[in-house]
Amino acid sequence: MADRINLFFAYAPIVVFALIVLVVYFSTRGQIAKIPIGQTFACNACGHRDKRDHMVPVAREGSVLWYCHRCVARL
């Protein structure tokens, strides 16, 4: 009888942990990450980094260069 009690208390924490992990996995596997990873661009002149909405694209020789609002005023 004592062996069964010891065996129960030996495996119970592992089983409970596995059940919790499975419940969390199945309840969250269809969710999309709430924090979007934003893409940033560096200014070609000064190196200032900002979001795409705040940068100005300038096409030169087949490539697109990104400038901040301060540097594009000097072009």
C-alpha atoms as a PDB file:
ATOM      1  CA  MET A   1       0.000   0.000   0.000  1.00  0.00           C
ATOM      2  CA  ALA A   2       2.816   2.404   0.829  1.00  0.00           C
ATOM      3  CA  ASP A   3       4.416   1.695  -2.538  1.00  0.00           C
ATOM      4  CA  ARG A   4       1.258   2.745  -4.361  1.00  0.00           C
ATOM      5  CA  ILE A   5       1.041   5.995  -2.401  1.00  0.00           C
ATOM      6  CA  ASN A   6       4.695   6.766  -3.099  1.00  0.00           C
ATOM      7  CA  LEU A   7       4.209   5.954  -6.773  1.00  0.00           C
ATOM      8  CA  PHE A   8       1.145   8.214  -6.945  1.00  0.00           C
ATOM      9  CA  PHE A   9       2.967  11.167  -5.386  1.00  0.00           C
ATOM     10  CA  ALA A  10       5.981  10.534  -7.608  1.00  0.00           C
ATOM     11  CA  TYR A  11       4.036  10.758 -10.876  1.00  0.00           C
ATOM     12  CA  ALA A  12       1.223  13.159  -9.943  1.00  0.00           C
ATOM     13  CA  PRO A  13       3.213  16.409 -10.402  1.00  0.00           C
ATOM     14  CA  ILE A  14       4.479  15.308 -13.811  1.00  0.00           C
ATOM     15  CA  VAL A  15       0.991  14.349 -14.982  1.00  0.00           C
ATOM     16  CA  VAL A  16      -0.544  17.589 -13.712  1.00  0.00           C
ATOM     17  CA  PHE A  17       2.196  19.630 -15.395  1.00  0.00           C
ATOM     18  CA  ALA A  18       1.674  17.787 -18.687  1.00  0.00           C
ATOM     19  CA  LEU A  19      -2.076  18.407 -18.508  1.00  0.00           C
ATOM     20  CA  ILE A  20      -1.560  22.125 -17.871  1.00  0.00           C
ATOM     21  CA  VAL A  21       0.876  22.411 -20.779  1.00  0.00           C
ATOM     22  CA  LEU A  22      -1.523  20.616 -23.121  1.00  0.00           C
ATOM     23  CA  VAL A  23      -4.478  22.772 -22.082  1.00  0.00           C
ATOM     24  CA  VAL A  24      -2.494  25.972 -22.597  1.00  0.00           C
ATOM     25  CA  TYR A  25      -1.173  24.760 -25.948  1.00  0.00           C
ATOM     26  CA  PHE A  26      -4.561  23.796 -27.340  1.00  0.00           C
ATOM     27  CA  SER A  27      -6.229  26.949 -26.065  1.00  0.00           C
ATOM     28  CA  THR A  28      -3.668  29.328 -27.596  1.00  0.00           C
ATOM     29  CA  ARG A  29      -2.526  27.627 -30.800  1.00  0.00           C
ATOM     30  CA  GLY A  30      -4.949  29.504 -33.059  1.00  0.00           C
ATOM     31  CA  GLN A  31      -4.184  32.970 -31.753  1.00  0.00           C
ATOM     32  CA  ILE A  32      -2.174  35.515 -33.669  1.00  0.00           C
ATOM     33  CA  ALA A  33       0.529  37.524 -31.949  1.00  0.00           C
ATOM     34  CA  LYS A  34      -0.962  40.756 -30.633  1.00  0.00           C
ATOM     35  CA  ILE A  35       2.188  42.820 -31.031  1.00  0.00           C
ATOM     36  CA  PRO A  36       3.023  43.340 -34.688  1.00  0.00           C
ATOM     37  CA  ILE A  37       6.674  43.540 -35.518  1.00  0.00           C
ATOM     38  CA  GLY A  38       7.116  46.831 -37.322  1.00  0.00           C
ATOM     39  CA  GLN A  39       9.600  47.240 -40.101  1.00  0.00           C
ATOM     40  CA  THR A  40      11.876  50.248 -39.783  1.00  0.00           C
ATOM     41  CA  PHE A  41      13.992  51.971 -42.381  1.00  0.00           C
ATOM     42  CA  ALA A  42      17.214  53.918 -41.952  1.00  0.00           C
ATOM     43  CA  CYS A  43      17.723  57.307 -43.554  1.00  0.00           C
ATOM     44  CA  ASN A  44      20.298  57.108 -46.324  1.00  0.00           C
ATOM     45  CA  ALA A  45      21.833  60.451 -45.352  1.00  0.00           C
ATOM     46  CA  CYS A  46      21.840  60.664 -41.553  1.00  0.00           C
ATOM     47  CA  GLY A  47      21.021  57.099 -40.440  1.00  0.00           C
ATOM     48  CA  HIS A  48      17.882  58.043 -38.499  1.00  0.00           C
ATOM     49  CA  ARG A  49      15.599  54.989 -38.116  1.00  0.00           C
ATOM     50  CA  ASP A  50      11.827  55.292 -38.274  1.00  0.00           C
ATOM     51  CA  LYS A  51       8.715  53.518 -39.480  1.00  0.00           C
ATOM     52  CA  ARG A  52       7.932  53.348 -43.158  1.00  0.00           C
ATOM     53  CA  ASP A  53       5.087  55.851 -42.818  1.00  0.00           C
ATOM     54  CA  HIS A  54       7.508  58.546 -41.677  1.00  0.00           C
ATOM     55  CA  MET A  55      10.144  57.968 -44.354  1.00  0.00           C
ATOM     56  CA  VAL A  56      10.232  59.233 -47.945  1.00  0.00           C
ATOM     57  CA  PRO A  57      11.272  56.815 -50.710  1.00  0.00           C
ATOM     58  CA  VAL A  58      13.473  58.224 -53.472  1.00  0.00           C
ATOM     59  CA  ALA A  59      14.160  56.106 -56.569  1.00  0.00           C
ATOM     60  CA  ARG A  60      17.697  56.463 -57.911  1.00  0.00           C
ATOM     61  CA  GLU A  61      19.337  54.274 -60.536  1.00  0.00           C
ATOM     62  CA  GLY A  62      16.888  51.422 -60.083  1.00  0.00           C
ATOM     63  CA  SER A  63      17.041  51.260 -56.295  1.00  0.00           C
ATOM     64  CA  VAL A  64      14.910  52.858 -53.613  1.00  0.00           C
ATOM     65  CA  LEU A  65      16.629  55.016 -51.027  1.00  0.00           C
ATOM     66  CA  TRP A  66      14.800  56.045 -47.868  1.00  0.00           C
ATOM     67  CA  TYR A  67      15.196  59.530 -46.380  1.00  0.00           C
ATOM     68  CA  CYS A  68      13.773  61.105 -43.240  1.00  0.00           C
ATOM     69  CA  HIS A  69      11.692  64.270 -43.532  1.00  0.00           C
ATOM     70  CA  ARG A  70      14.651  66.474 -42.542  1.00  0.00           C
ATOM     71  CA  CYS A  71      17.066  65.075 -45.109  1.00  0.00           C
ATOM     72  CA  VAL A  72      14.569  64.947 -47.966  1.00  0.00           C
ATOM     73  CA  ALA A  73      14.073  68.712 -47.598  1.00  0.00           C
ATOM     74  CA  ARG A  74      17.794  69.192 -48.335  1.00  0.00           C
ATOM     75  CA  LEU A  75      17.736  67.152 -51.573  1.00  0.00           C
END
